PDB file of N, CA and C in Angstrom:
ATOM      1  N   MET A   1      90.821  39.536  -0.622  1.00  0.00           N
ATOM      2  CA  MET A   1      90.290  40.250  -0.151  1.00  0.00           C
ATOM      3  C   MET A   1      89.191  41.127  -0.665  1.00  0.00           C
ATOM      4  N   ARG A   2      89.621  41.513  -1.678  1.00  0.00           N
ATOM      5  CA  ARG A   2      89.711  42.583  -2.966  1.00  0.00           C
ATOM      6  C   ARG A   2      88.079  41.891  -3.442  1.00  0.00           C
ATOM      7  N   TRP A   3      88.341  40.569  -4.027  1.00  0.00           N
ATOM      8  CA  TRP A   3      87.130  39.917  -4.179  1.00  0.00           C
ATOM      9  C   TRP A   3      86.254  39.356  -3.415  1.00  0.00           C
ATOM     10  N   THR A   4      86.017  39.302  -2.108  1.00  0.00           N
ATOM     11  CA  THR A   4      85.366  39.297  -1.707  1.00  0.00           C
ATOM     12  C   THR A   4      84.515  40.492  -1.495  1.00  0.00           C
ATOM     13  N   ARG A   5      84.779  41.778  -1.340  1.00  0.00           N
ATOM     14  CA  ARG A   5      84.192  43.244  -1.234  1.00  0.00           C
ATOM     15  C   ARG A   5      83.503  42.990  -2.746  1.00  0.00           C
ATOM     16  N   ARG A   6      84.350  42.371  -4.198  1.00  0.00           N
ATOM     17  CA  ARG A   6      83.375  43.173  -5.247  1.00  0.00           C
ATOM     18  C   ARG A   6      82.003  41.821  -4.882  1.00  0.00           C
ATOM     19  N   ILE A   7      82.438  40.582  -4.828  1.00  0.00           N
ATOM     20  CA  ILE A   7      81.001  39.598  -5.010  1.00  0.00           C
ATOM     21  C   ILE A   7      80.222  40.172  -3.935  1.00  0.00           C
ATOM     22  N   LEU A   8      80.667  40.913  -2.448  1.00  0.00           N
ATOM     23  CA  LEU A   8      79.469  40.890  -1.828  1.00  0.00           C
ATOM     24  C   LEU A   8      78.846  42.181  -2.338  1.00  0.00           C
ATOM     25  N   GLY A   9      79.531  43.346  -3.030  1.00  0.00           N
ATOM     26  CA  GLY A   9      78.845  44.550  -3.776  1.00  0.00           C
ATOM     27  C   GLY A   9      78.229  44.254  -4.577  1.00  0.00           C
ATOM     28  N   ALA A  10      78.444  43.029  -5.629  1.00  0.00           N
ATOM     29  CA  ALA A  10      77.658  42.744  -6.705  1.00  0.00           C
ATOM     30  C   ALA A  10      75.971  41.752  -6.078  1.00  0.00           C
ATOM     31  N   GLY A  11      76.327  41.243  -4.902  1.00  0.00           N
ATOM     32  CA  GLY A  11      74.954  40.744  -4.041  1.00  0.00           C
ATOM     33  C   GLY A  11      74.250  41.932  -3.717  1.00  0.00           C
ATOM     34  N   VAL A  12      74.198  42.791  -3.178  1.00  0.00           N
ATOM     35  CA  VAL A  12      73.740  43.683  -2.190  1.00  0.00           C
ATOM     36  C   VAL A  12      72.902  45.053  -3.945  1.00  0.00           C
ATOM     37  N   VAL A  13      73.953  44.451  -4.458  1.00  0.00           N
ATOM     38  CA  VAL A  13      73.565  45.489  -6.086  1.00  0.00           C
ATOM     39  C   VAL A  13      72.194  44.689  -6.561  1.00  0.00           C
ATOM     40  N   ALA A  14      72.434  43.755  -7.048  1.00  0.00           N
ATOM     41  CA  ALA A  14      71.487  42.577  -7.302  1.00  0.00           C
ATOM     42  C   ALA A  14      70.094  42.371  -6.478  1.00  0.00           C
ATOM     43  N   GLY A  15      70.458  42.617  -5.142  1.00  0.00           N
ATOM     44  CA  GLY A  15      69.480  42.445  -3.795  1.00  0.00           C
ATOM     45  C   GLY A  15      68.626  43.628  -4.512  1.00  0.00           C
ATOM     46  N   VAL A  16      69.216  44.985  -4.521  1.00  0.00           N
ATOM     47  CA  VAL A  16      68.432  46.067  -4.535  1.00  0.00           C
ATOM     48  C   VAL A  16      67.650  46.044  -6.131  1.00  0.00           C
ATOM     49  N   ALA A  17      68.266  46.075  -7.041  1.00  0.00           N
ATOM     50  CA  ALA A  17      67.866  45.145  -7.971  1.00  0.00           C
ATOM     51  C   ALA A  17      66.619  44.902  -8.436  1.00  0.00           C
ATOM     52  N   TRP A  18      66.646  43.651  -7.539  1.00  0.00           N
ATOM     53  CA  TRP A  18      65.630  42.619  -7.637  1.00  0.00           C
ATOM     54  C   TRP A  18      64.360  43.520  -6.375  1.00  0.00           C
ATOM     55  N   ALA A  19      64.412  44.219  -5.187  1.00  0.00           N
ATOM     56  CA  ALA A  19      63.627  44.428  -4.362  1.00  0.00           C
ATOM     57  C   ALA A  19      62.563  45.991  -5.298  1.00  0.00           C
ATOM     58  N   LEU A  20      63.567  46.235  -6.170  1.00  0.00           N
ATOM     59  CA  LEU A  20      62.644  47.289  -6.886  1.00  0.00           C
ATOM     60  C   LEU A  20      61.909  46.779  -7.927  1.00  0.00           C
ATOM     61  N   TRP A  21      62.657  45.813  -8.613  1.00  0.00           N
ATOM     62  CA  TRP A  21      61.579  44.972  -9.856  1.00  0.00           C
ATOM     63  C   TRP A  21      60.334  44.588  -8.893  1.00  0.00           C
ATOM     64  N   ARG A  22      60.375  44.384  -7.690  1.00  0.00           N
ATOM     65  CA  ARG A  22      59.266  43.367  -7.409  1.00  0.00           C
ATOM     66  C   ARG A  22      58.593  44.537  -7.135  1.00  0.00           C
ATOM     67  N   ARG A  23      58.784  45.963  -6.463  1.00  0.00           N
ATOM     68  CA  ARG A  23      58.057  46.753  -5.882  1.00  0.00           C
ATOM     69  C   ARG A  23      56.920  47.378  -7.196  1.00  0.00           C
ATOM     70  N   LEU A  24      57.815  47.571  -8.307  1.00  0.00           N
ATOM     71  CA  LEU A  24      57.065  48.299  -9.496  1.00  0.00           C
ATOM     72  C   LEU A  24      56.281  46.731 -10.192  1.00  0.00           C
ATOM     73  N   ASP A  25      56.431  45.690  -9.696  1.00  0.00           N
ATOM     74  CA  ASP A  25      55.870  44.962 -10.853  1.00  0.00           C
ATOM     75  C   ASP A  25      54.494  44.441 -10.363  1.00  0.00           C
ATOM     76  N   ARG A  26      54.007  45.320  -8.830  1.00  0.00           N
ATOM     77  CA  ARG A  26      52.812  45.142  -8.437  1.00  0.00           C
ATOM     78  C   ARG A  26      51.698  45.657  -9.109  1.00  0.00           C
ATOM     79  N   PRO A  27      50.437  45.149  -9.518  1.00  0.00           N
ATOM     80  CA  PRO A  27      49.561  46.086 -10.004  1.00  0.00           C
ATOM     81  C   PRO A  27      49.006  46.996  -8.930  1.00  0.00           C
ATOM     82  N   ASP A  28      48.124  48.046  -9.716  1.00  0.00           N
ATOM     83  CA  ASP A  28      47.876  49.071  -8.818  1.00  0.00           C
ATOM     84  C   ASP A  28      46.731  48.376  -8.064  1.00  0.00           C
ATOM     85  N   ARG A  29      45.647  47.916  -8.016  1.00  0.00           N
ATOM     86  CA  ARG A  29      44.289  47.728  -7.145  1.00  0.00           C
ATOM     87  C   ARG A  29      44.443  46.169  -6.782  1.00  0.00           C
ATOM     88  N   THR A  30      43.673  45.916  -5.858  1.00  0.00           N
ATOM     89  CA  THR A  30      44.815  45.135  -5.292  1.00  0.00           C
ATOM     90  C   THR A  30      43.035  44.062  -6.092  1.00  0.00           C
ATOM     91  N   LEU A  31      43.111  42.708  -5.330  1.00  0.00           N
ATOM     92  CA  LEU A  31      42.245  41.775  -6.074  1.00  0.00           C
ATOM     93  C   LEU A  31      40.744  41.980  -5.432  1.00  0.00           C
ATOM     94  N   GLU A  32      39.785  42.195  -5.292  1.00  0.00           N
ATOM     95  CA  GLU A  32      38.662  41.869  -4.484  1.00  0.00           C
ATOM     96  C   GLU A  32      37.458  40.682  -5.054  1.00  0.00           C
ATOM     97  N   TRP A  33      36.834  39.987  -4.079  1.00  0.00           N
ATOM     98  CA  TRP A  33      36.127  39.285  -4.377  1.00  0.00           C
ATOM     99  C   TRP A  33      34.831  39.094  -3.271  1.00  0.00           C
ATOM    100  N   GLN A  34      33.644  39.073  -4.076  1.00  0.00           N
ATOM    101  CA  GLN A  34      32.601  39.120  -3.563  1.00  0.00           C
ATOM    102  C   GLN A  34      31.602  37.601  -3.652  1.00  0.00           C
ATOM    103  N   PRO A  35      31.365  37.559  -1.959  1.00  0.00           N
ATOM    104  CA  PRO A  35      31.098  36.567  -1.621  1.00  0.00           C
ATOM    105  C   PRO A  35      29.434  36.140  -2.234  1.00  0.00           C
ATOM    106  N   ARG A  36      29.437  35.016  -3.035  1.00  0.00           N
ATOM    107  CA  ARG A  36      27.976  34.284  -3.309  1.00  0.00           C
ATOM    108  C   ARG A  36      27.270  33.667  -2.525  1.00  0.00           C
ATOM    109  N   PRO A  37      25.873  34.035  -2.497  1.00  0.00           N
ATOM    110  CA  PRO A  37      24.634  33.478  -1.527  1.00  0.00           C
ATOM    111  C   PRO A  37      24.821  31.845  -1.743  1.00  0.00           C
ATOM    112  N   PHE A  38      24.428  31.657  -0.415  1.00  0.00           N
ATOM    113  CA  PHE A  38      24.433  30.059  -0.546  1.00  0.00           C
ATOM    114  C   PHE A  38      23.446  29.610  -1.340  1.00  0.00           C
ATOM    115  N   PRO A  39      23.544  28.677  -2.012  1.00  0.00           N
ATOM    116  CA  PRO A  39      22.547  28.702  -3.438  1.00  0.00           C
ATOM    117  C   PRO A  39      21.057  27.761  -2.937  1.00  0.00           C
ATOM    118  N   LEU A  40      21.321  27.051  -1.535  1.00  0.00           N
ATOM    119  CA  LEU A  40      19.929  26.770  -1.346  1.00  0.00           C
ATOM    120  C   LEU A  40      20.372  26.818   0.808  1.00  0.00           C
ATOM    121  N   ALA A  41      19.267  27.286   1.179  1.00  0.00           N
ATOM    122  CA  ALA A  41      19.135  27.447   2.258  1.00  0.00           C
ATOM    123  C   ALA A  41      19.186  26.128   3.086  1.00  0.00           C
ATOM    124  N   PRO A  42      20.103  25.836   4.054  1.00  0.00           N
ATOM    125  CA  PRO A  42      19.749  24.169   4.873  1.00  0.00           C
ATOM    126  C   PRO A  42      18.704  24.295   5.701  1.00  0.00           C
ATOM    127  N   GLN A  43      18.423  23.235   4.902  1.00  0.00           N
ATOM    128  CA  GLN A  43      16.885  22.343   5.718  1.00  0.00           C
ATOM    129  C   GLN A  43      17.044  21.432   6.887  1.00  0.00           C
ATOM    130  N   PRO A  44      16.352  21.698   8.136  1.00  0.00           N
ATOM    131  CA  PRO A  44      15.983  21.193   9.191  1.00  0.00           C
ATOM    132  C   PRO A  44      16.043  19.970   8.731  1.00  0.00           C
ATOM    133  N   VAL A  45      17.033  19.306   9.963  1.00  0.00           N
ATOM    134  CA  VAL A  45      16.768  17.574   9.671  1.00  0.00           C
ATOM    135  C   VAL A  45      16.283  17.067  10.844  1.00  0.00           C
ATOM    136  N   PRO A  46      14.821  16.030   9.937  1.00  0.00           N
ATOM    137  CA  PRO A  46      14.014  15.712  11.250  1.00  0.00           C
ATOM    138  C   PRO A  46      14.545  14.605  12.493  1.00  0.00           C
ATOM    139  N   VAL A  47      13.958  14.946  13.362  1.00  0.00           N
ATOM    140  CA  VAL A  47      14.556  14.558  14.205  1.00  0.00           C
ATOM    141  C   VAL A  47      13.253  13.208  14.290  1.00  0.00           C
ATOM    142  N   PRO A  48      14.185  11.770  14.618  1.00  0.00           N
ATOM    143  CA  PRO A  48      13.406  10.732  14.518  1.00  0.00           C
ATOM    144  C   PRO A  48      12.625  10.516  15.739  1.00  0.00           C
ATOM    145  N   ALA A  49      11.587   9.886  15.711  1.00  0.00           N
ATOM    146  CA  ALA A  49      10.486   9.500  17.079  1.00  0.00           C
ATOM    147  C   ALA A  49      11.293   8.611  17.797  1.00  0.00           C
ATOM    148  N   ALA A  50      10.875   9.385  19.198  1.00  0.00           N
ATOM    149  CA  ALA A  50      11.391   7.800  20.694  1.00  0.00           C
ATOM    150  C   ALA A  50      11.322   6.596  20.078  1.00  0.00           C
ATOM    151  N   PRO A  51      11.620   5.915  19.944  1.00  0.00           N
ATOM    152  CA  PRO A  51      11.777   4.651  19.789  1.00  0.00           C
ATOM    153  C   PRO A  51      10.254   4.181  21.049  1.00  0.00           C
ATOM    154  N   GLU A  52       9.728   3.030  20.893  1.00  0.00           N
ATOM    155  CA  GLU A  52       8.655   2.619  21.713  1.00  0.00           C
ATOM    156  C   GLU A  52       9.402   1.815  22.335  1.00  0.00           C
ATOM    157  N   PRO A  53       8.775   1.476  24.209  1.00  0.00           N
ATOM    158  CA  PRO A  53       9.947   0.805  24.892  1.00  0.00           C
ATOM    159  C   PRO A  53       9.774  -0.772  24.342  1.00  0.00           C
ATOM    160  N   LEU A  54      10.509  -1.492  25.036  1.00  0.00           N
ATOM    161  CA  LEU A  54      10.600  -2.694  24.136  1.00  0.00           C
ATOM    162  C   LEU A  54      10.237  -3.791  25.352  1.00  0.00           C
ATOM    163  N   GLY A  55       9.938  -2.949  26.106  1.00  0.00           N
ATOM    164  CA  GLY A  55       8.572  -3.450  27.002  1.00  0.00           C
ATOM    165  C   GLY A  55       9.541  -4.367  28.627  1.00  0.00           C
ATOM    166  N   PRO A  56       9.328  -5.493  29.347  1.00  0.00           N
ATOM    167  CA  PRO A  56       9.578  -4.936  30.584  1.00  0.00           C
ATOM    168  C   PRO A  56      11.176  -6.305  30.449  1.00  0.00           C
ATOM    169  N   PRO A  57      11.736  -6.058  30.861  1.00  0.00           N
ATOM    170  CA  PRO A  57      12.875  -7.580  30.164  1.00  0.00           C
ATOM    171  C   PRO A  57      13.005  -8.989  30.612  1.00  0.00           C
ATOM    172  N   THR A  58      13.535  -9.187  30.325  1.00  0.00           N
ATOM    173  CA  THR A  58      13.688 -11.324  30.436  1.00  0.00           C
ATOM    174  C   THR A  58      14.132 -11.946  31.182  1.00  0.00           C
ATOM    175  N   TRP A  59      14.898 -10.798  32.166  1.00  0.00           N
ATOM    176  CA  TRP A  59      15.818 -11.715  32.789  1.00  0.00           C
ATOM    177  C   TRP A  59      15.926 -10.637  34.275  1.00  0.00           C
ATOM    178  N   VAL A  60      16.048 -11.184  35.354  1.00  0.00           N
ATOM    179  CA  VAL A  60      16.131 -10.633  36.793  1.00  0.00           C
ATOM    180  C   VAL A  60      17.450 -10.882  36.687  1.00  0.00           C
ATOM    181  N   ALA A  61      18.105 -10.005  38.029  1.00  0.00           N
ATOM    182  CA  ALA A  61      19.324 -10.082  38.797  1.00  0.00           C
ATOM    183  C   ALA A  61      19.588 -11.220  39.454  1.00  0.00           C
ATOM    184  N   PRO A  62      19.998 -12.153  39.769  1.00  0.00           N
ATOM    185  CA  PRO A  62      20.108 -12.814  40.770  1.00  0.00           C
ATOM    186  C   PRO A  62      20.096 -12.263  42.716  1.00  0.00           C
ATOM    187  N   THR A  63      19.371 -12.841  43.480  1.00  0.00           N
ATOM    188  CA  THR A  63      20.009 -12.734  44.904  1.00  0.00           C
ATOM    189  C   THR A  63      20.304 -13.513  45.422  1.00  0.00           C
ATOM    190  N   ASP A  64      21.828 -13.226  46.080  1.00  0.00           N
ATOM    191  CA  ASP A  64      22.276 -13.817  46.881  1.00  0.00           C
ATOM    192  C   ASP A  64      23.355 -14.753  45.975  1.00  0.00           C
ATOM    193  N   GLY A  65      23.514 -14.446  44.964  1.00  0.00           N
ATOM    194  CA  GLY A  65      24.106 -15.713  43.959  1.00  0.00           C
ATOM    195  C   GLY A  65      22.825 -17.162  43.462  1.00  0.00           C
ATOM    196  N   THR A  66      21.827 -16.707  43.730  1.00  0.00           N
ATOM    197  CA  THR A  66      20.900 -17.653  43.176  1.00  0.00           C
ATOM    198  C   THR A  66      19.831 -17.286  42.750  1.00  0.00           C
ATOM    199  N   CYS A  67      19.317 -17.976  41.407  1.00  0.00           N
ATOM    200  CA  CYS A  67      18.409 -17.477  40.497  1.00  0.00           C
ATOM    201  C   CYS A  67      16.863 -17.718  41.238  1.00  0.00           C
ATOM    202  N   PRO A  68      15.667 -16.830  41.519  1.00  0.00           N
ATOM    203  CA  PRO A  68      14.112 -17.439  42.066  1.00  0.00           C
ATOM    204  C   PRO A  68      13.954 -18.452  41.561  1.00  0.00           C
ATOM    205  N   ALA A  69      12.765 -19.132  41.613  1.00  0.00           N
ATOM    206  CA  ALA A  69      12.578 -19.842  41.355  1.00  0.00           C
ATOM    207  C   ALA A  69      11.277 -19.409  40.251  1.00  0.00           C
ATOM    208  N   THR A  70      11.000 -18.715  39.557  1.00  0.00           N
ATOM    209  CA  THR A  70      10.636 -17.973  38.119  1.00  0.00           C
ATOM    210  C   THR A  70      11.383 -17.736  37.132  1.00  0.00           C
ATOM    211  N   HIS A  71      12.533 -17.815  37.419  1.00  0.00           N
ATOM    212  CA  HIS A  71      13.339 -17.609  36.268  1.00  0.00           C
ATOM    213  C   HIS A  71      14.456 -18.624  36.897  1.00  0.00           C
ATOM    214  N   PRO A  72      14.501 -19.449  36.626  1.00  0.00           N
ATOM    215  CA  PRO A  72      15.344 -20.868  37.092  1.00  0.00           C
ATOM    216  C   PRO A  72      17.103 -20.704  35.860  1.00  0.00           C
ATOM    217  N   VAL A  73      16.885 -20.476  34.877  1.00  0.00           N
ATOM    218  CA  VAL A  73      17.563 -20.214  33.903  1.00  0.00           C
ATOM    219  C   VAL A  73      19.112 -19.532  34.326  1.00  0.00           C
ATOM    220  N   LYS A  74      20.125 -20.441  34.150  1.00  0.00           N
ATOM    221  CA  LYS A  74      21.547 -19.026  35.028  1.00  0.00           C
ATOM    222  C   LYS A  74      22.257 -18.760  33.676  1.00  0.00           C
ATOM    223  N   ALA A  75      22.822 -17.544  33.310  1.00  0.00           N
ATOM    224  CA  ALA A  75      23.995 -16.940  32.652  1.00  0.00           C
ATOM    225  C   ALA A  75      24.737 -16.388  33.034  1.00  0.00           C
ATOM    226  N   LYS A  76      25.742 -16.717  32.347  1.00  0.00           N
ATOM    227  CA  LYS A  76      27.030 -16.240  32.616  1.00  0.00           C
ATOM    228  C   LYS A  76      27.813 -15.036  31.573  1.00  0.00           C
ATOM    229  N   LEU A  77      27.531 -13.738  31.463  1.00  0.00           N
ATOM    230  CA  LEU A  77      27.827 -13.344  30.537  1.00  0.00           C
ATOM    231  C   LEU A  77      29.189 -13.078  29.987  1.00  0.00           C
ATOM    232  N   ARG A  78      30.162 -13.665  31.066  1.00  0.00           N
ATOM    233  CA  ARG A  78      31.682 -13.226  30.356  1.00  0.00           C
ATOM    234  C   ARG A  78      31.589 -14.635  29.370  1.00  0.00           C
ATOM    235  N   SER A  79      31.497 -15.661  29.377  1.00  0.00           N
ATOM    236  CA  SER A  79      31.709 -16.562  28.665  1.00  0.00           C
ATOM    237  C   SER A  79      30.596 -16.859  27.665  1.00  0.00           C
ATOM    238  N   GLY A  80      28.948 -16.382  27.970  1.00  0.00           N
ATOM    239  CA  GLY A  80      28.334 -16.679  26.768  1.00  0.00           C
ATOM    240  C   GLY A  80      27.511 -17.118  27.149  1.00  0.00           C
ATOM    241  N   ILE A  81      27.256 -17.976  28.316  1.00  0.00           N
ATOM    242  CA  ILE A  81      26.831 -19.392  28.227  1.00  0.00           C
ATOM    243  C   ILE A  81      25.892 -19.265  29.105  1.00  0.00           C
ATOM    244  N   PHE A  82      24.594 -20.208  28.726  1.00  0.00           N
ATOM    245  CA  PHE A  82      23.398 -20.298  30.172  1.00  0.00           C
ATOM    246  C   PHE A  82      23.504 -21.523  30.306  1.00  0.00           C
ATOM    247  N   HIS A  83      23.107 -22.240  31.285  1.00  0.00           N
ATOM    248  CA  HIS A  83      22.141 -23.095  32.034  1.00  0.00           C
ATOM    249  C   HIS A  83      20.995 -23.457  32.668  1.00  0.00           C
ATOM    250  N   VAL A  84      20.837 -24.999  32.048  1.00  0.00           N
ATOM    251  CA  VAL A  84      19.354 -25.281  32.579  1.00  0.00           C
ATOM    252  C   VAL A  84      19.262 -26.128  33.365  1.00  0.00           C
ATOM    253  N   PRO A  85      18.309 -25.566  34.207  1.00  0.00           N
ATOM    254  CA  PRO A  85      17.825 -26.617  35.467  1.00  0.00           C
ATOM    255  C   PRO A  85      18.132 -28.445  34.640  1.00  0.00           C
ATOM    256  N   GLY A  86      19.090 -29.066  35.737  1.00  0.00           N
ATOM    257  CA  GLY A  86      19.072 -30.788  35.557  1.00  0.00           C
ATOM    258  C   GLY A  86      20.567 -30.714  34.634  1.00  0.00           C
ATOM    259  N   GLY A  87      21.202 -29.552  34.191  1.00  0.00           N
ATOM    260  CA  GLY A  87      22.818 -29.535  33.504  1.00  0.00           C
ATOM    261  C   GLY A  87      23.460 -30.277  34.181  1.00  0.00           C
ATOM    262  N   GLU A  88      24.682 -30.014  33.796  1.00  0.00           N
ATOM    263  CA  GLU A  88      25.768 -30.983  34.509  1.00  0.00           C
ATOM    264  C   GLU A  88      26.210 -29.726  35.544  1.00  0.00           C
ATOM    265  N   PHE A  89      26.120 -28.556  35.187  1.00  0.00           N
ATOM    266  CA  PHE A  89      27.234 -27.565  36.118  1.00  0.00           C
ATOM    267  C   PHE A  89      26.455 -26.368  36.304  1.00  0.00           C
ATOM    268  N   HIS A  90      24.890 -26.461  36.252  1.00  0.00           N
ATOM    269  CA  HIS A  90      23.923 -25.404  37.085  1.00  0.00           C
ATOM    270  C   HIS A  90      23.827 -24.975  38.140  1.00  0.00           C
ATOM    271  N   ASP A  91      23.898 -26.265  39.191  1.00  0.00           N
ATOM    272  CA  ASP A  91      23.677 -26.172  40.522  1.00  0.00           C
ATOM    273  C   ASP A  91      25.463 -25.264  41.053  1.00  0.00           C
ATOM    274  N   ARG A  92      26.446 -25.903  40.729  1.00  0.00           N
ATOM    275  CA  ARG A  92      27.087 -24.733  41.110  1.00  0.00           C
ATOM    276  C   ARG A  92      27.392 -23.679  40.628  1.00  0.00           C
ATOM    277  N   THR A  93      26.633 -22.795  39.418  1.00  0.00           N
ATOM    278  CA  THR A  93      27.134 -22.039  38.678  1.00  0.00           C
ATOM    279  C   THR A  93      26.585 -20.733  39.305  1.00  0.00           C
ATOM    280  N   VAL A  94      27.481 -19.444  39.236  1.00  0.00           N
ATOM    281  CA  VAL A  94      27.419 -18.458  40.003  1.00  0.00           C
ATOM    282  C   VAL A  94      26.568 -17.634  38.776  1.00  0.00           C
ATOM    283  N   PRO A  95      24.986 -17.626  38.687  1.00  0.00           N
ATOM    284  CA  PRO A  95      24.737 -16.625  37.754  1.00  0.00           C
ATOM    285  C   PRO A  95      24.928 -15.242  37.937  1.00  0.00           C
ATOM    286  N   ASP A  96      25.137 -14.087  36.066  1.00  0.00           N
ATOM    287  CA  ASP A  96      25.326 -13.423  36.258  1.00  0.00           C
ATOM    288  C   ASP A  96      23.494 -12.635  36.315  1.00  0.00           C
ATOM    289  N   ARG A  97      22.723 -13.215  35.444  1.00  0.00           N
ATOM    290  CA  ARG A  97      22.064 -13.129  35.160  1.00  0.00           C
ATOM    291  C   ARG A  97      20.627 -14.280  35.301  1.00  0.00           C
ATOM    292  N   CYS A  98      19.316 -13.977  35.359  1.00  0.00           N
ATOM    293  CA  CYS A  98      18.218 -15.496  35.527  1.00  0.00           C
ATOM    294  C   CYS A  98      17.402 -15.237  34.578  1.00  0.00           C
ATOM    295  N   TYR A  99      17.382 -16.377  33.808  1.00  0.00           N
ATOM    296  CA  TYR A  99      16.350 -16.001  32.718  1.00  0.00           C
ATOM    297  C   TYR A  99      15.126 -16.914  32.775  1.00  0.00           C
ATOM    298  N   ALA A 100      13.942 -16.862  32.846  1.00  0.00           N
ATOM    299  CA  ALA A 100      12.627 -17.381  32.644  1.00  0.00           C
ATOM    300  C   ALA A 100      12.813 -18.933  32.285  1.00  0.00           C
ATOM    301  N   ASP A 101      13.284 -18.579  30.732  1.00  0.00           N
ATOM    302  CA  ASP A 101      13.743 -20.060  29.995  1.00  0.00           C
ATOM    303  C   ASP A 101      14.490 -19.835  28.664  1.00  0.00           C
ATOM    304  N   ALA A 102      14.727 -20.867  28.209  1.00  0.00           N
ATOM    305  CA  ALA A 102      16.357 -20.874  27.475  1.00  0.00           C
ATOM    306  C   ALA A 102      16.266 -19.862  26.447  1.00  0.00           C
ATOM    307  N   ALA A 103      14.917 -19.543  25.576  1.00  0.00           N
ATOM    308  CA  ALA A 103      14.529 -19.025  24.167  1.00  0.00           C
ATOM    309  C   ALA A 103      15.067 -17.401  25.014  1.00  0.00           C
ATOM    310  N   ALA A 104      14.872 -17.087  25.756  1.00  0.00           N
ATOM    311  CA  ALA A 104      14.778 -15.657  26.292  1.00  0.00           C
ATOM    312  C   ALA A 104      16.329 -15.425  26.622  1.00  0.00           C
ATOM    313  N   ALA A 105      17.248 -16.184  26.823  1.00  0.00           N
ATOM    314  CA  ALA A 105      18.478 -16.420  27.219  1.00  0.00           C
ATOM    315  C   ALA A 105      18.891 -16.588  25.544  1.00  0.00           C
ATOM    316  N   GLU A 106      18.357 -17.513  24.928  1.00  0.00           N
ATOM    317  CA  GLU A 106      19.264 -17.478  23.548  1.00  0.00           C
ATOM    318  C   GLU A 106      18.885 -15.856  22.786  1.00  0.00           C
ATOM    319  N   ALA A 107      17.543 -15.343  22.809  1.00  0.00           N
ATOM    320  CA  ALA A 107      17.342 -13.944  22.106  1.00  0.00           C
ATOM    321  C   ALA A 107      18.521 -12.852  22.762  1.00  0.00           C
ATOM    322  N   ASP A 108      18.906 -12.985  23.786  1.00  0.00           N
ATOM    323  CA  ASP A 108      19.631 -12.328  24.498  1.00  0.00           C
ATOM    324  C   ASP A 108      21.212 -12.493  23.646  1.00  0.00           C
ATOM    325  N   GLY A 109      21.259 -13.625  22.676  1.00  0.00           N
ATOM    326  CA  GLY A 109      22.717 -13.360  22.249  1.00  0.00           C
ATOM    327  C   GLY A 109      23.614 -14.911  23.185  1.00  0.00           C
ATOM    328  N   LEU A 110      22.922 -15.043  23.769  1.00  0.00           N
ATOM    329  CA  LEU A 110      24.017 -16.238  24.727  1.00  0.00           C
ATOM    330  C   LEU A 110      23.507 -17.971  24.202  1.00  0.00           C
ATOM    331  N   ARG A 111      24.427 -18.936  24.489  1.00  0.00           N
ATOM    332  CA  ARG A 111      24.267 -20.457  24.094  1.00  0.00           C
ATOM    333  C   ARG A 111      23.856 -20.907  24.998  1.00  0.00           C
ATOM    334  N   ALA A 112      23.681 -22.121  24.624  1.00  0.00           N
ATOM    335  CA  ALA A 112      23.401 -23.273  25.858  1.00  0.00           C
ATOM    336  C   ALA A 112      24.114 -23.843  26.097  1.00  0.00           C
ATOM    337  N   ALA A 113      24.686 -24.371  27.527  1.00  0.00           N
ATOM    338  CA  ALA A 113      25.968 -24.974  27.648  1.00  0.00           C
ATOM    339  C   ALA A 113      25.770 -26.959  27.216  1.00  0.00           C
ATOM    340  N   LYS A 114      26.931 -27.167  26.374  1.00  0.00           N
ATOM    341  CA  LYS A 114      26.881 -28.669  26.220  1.00  0.00           C
ATOM    342  C   LYS A 114      26.804 -29.095  27.374  1.00  0.00           C
ATOM    343  N   ARG A 115      27.021 -29.163  28.183  1.00  0.00           N
ATOM    344  CA  ARG A 115      26.526 -30.175  28.968  1.00  0.00           C
ATOM    345  C   ARG A 115      25.865 -30.065  29.986  1.00  0.00           C
TER     346      ARG A 115
END
């Protein structure tokens, strides 16, 4: 018990001494920081001109699951395939889009059916 009191007392004395030492170690004045002006003023970013309209769409939406006579090429977007008239599956394909010709469908990123 006696040793415990001595160790605790020594710890208290050391803590007080450390606190006094830290207090006396402080500088008399605080650090000051003067902000510098930004070297260059930010320049406005030019807004690009509006893009020119691309023109009329090359495809039309089917009506009642069939393509109009002016746009006979049937396209399925999920598969990425288009069917031309006379193809094996053209008659039973329910289209997502109808194109006027195969070139317009290929320009949209679709590929021709293999059959």
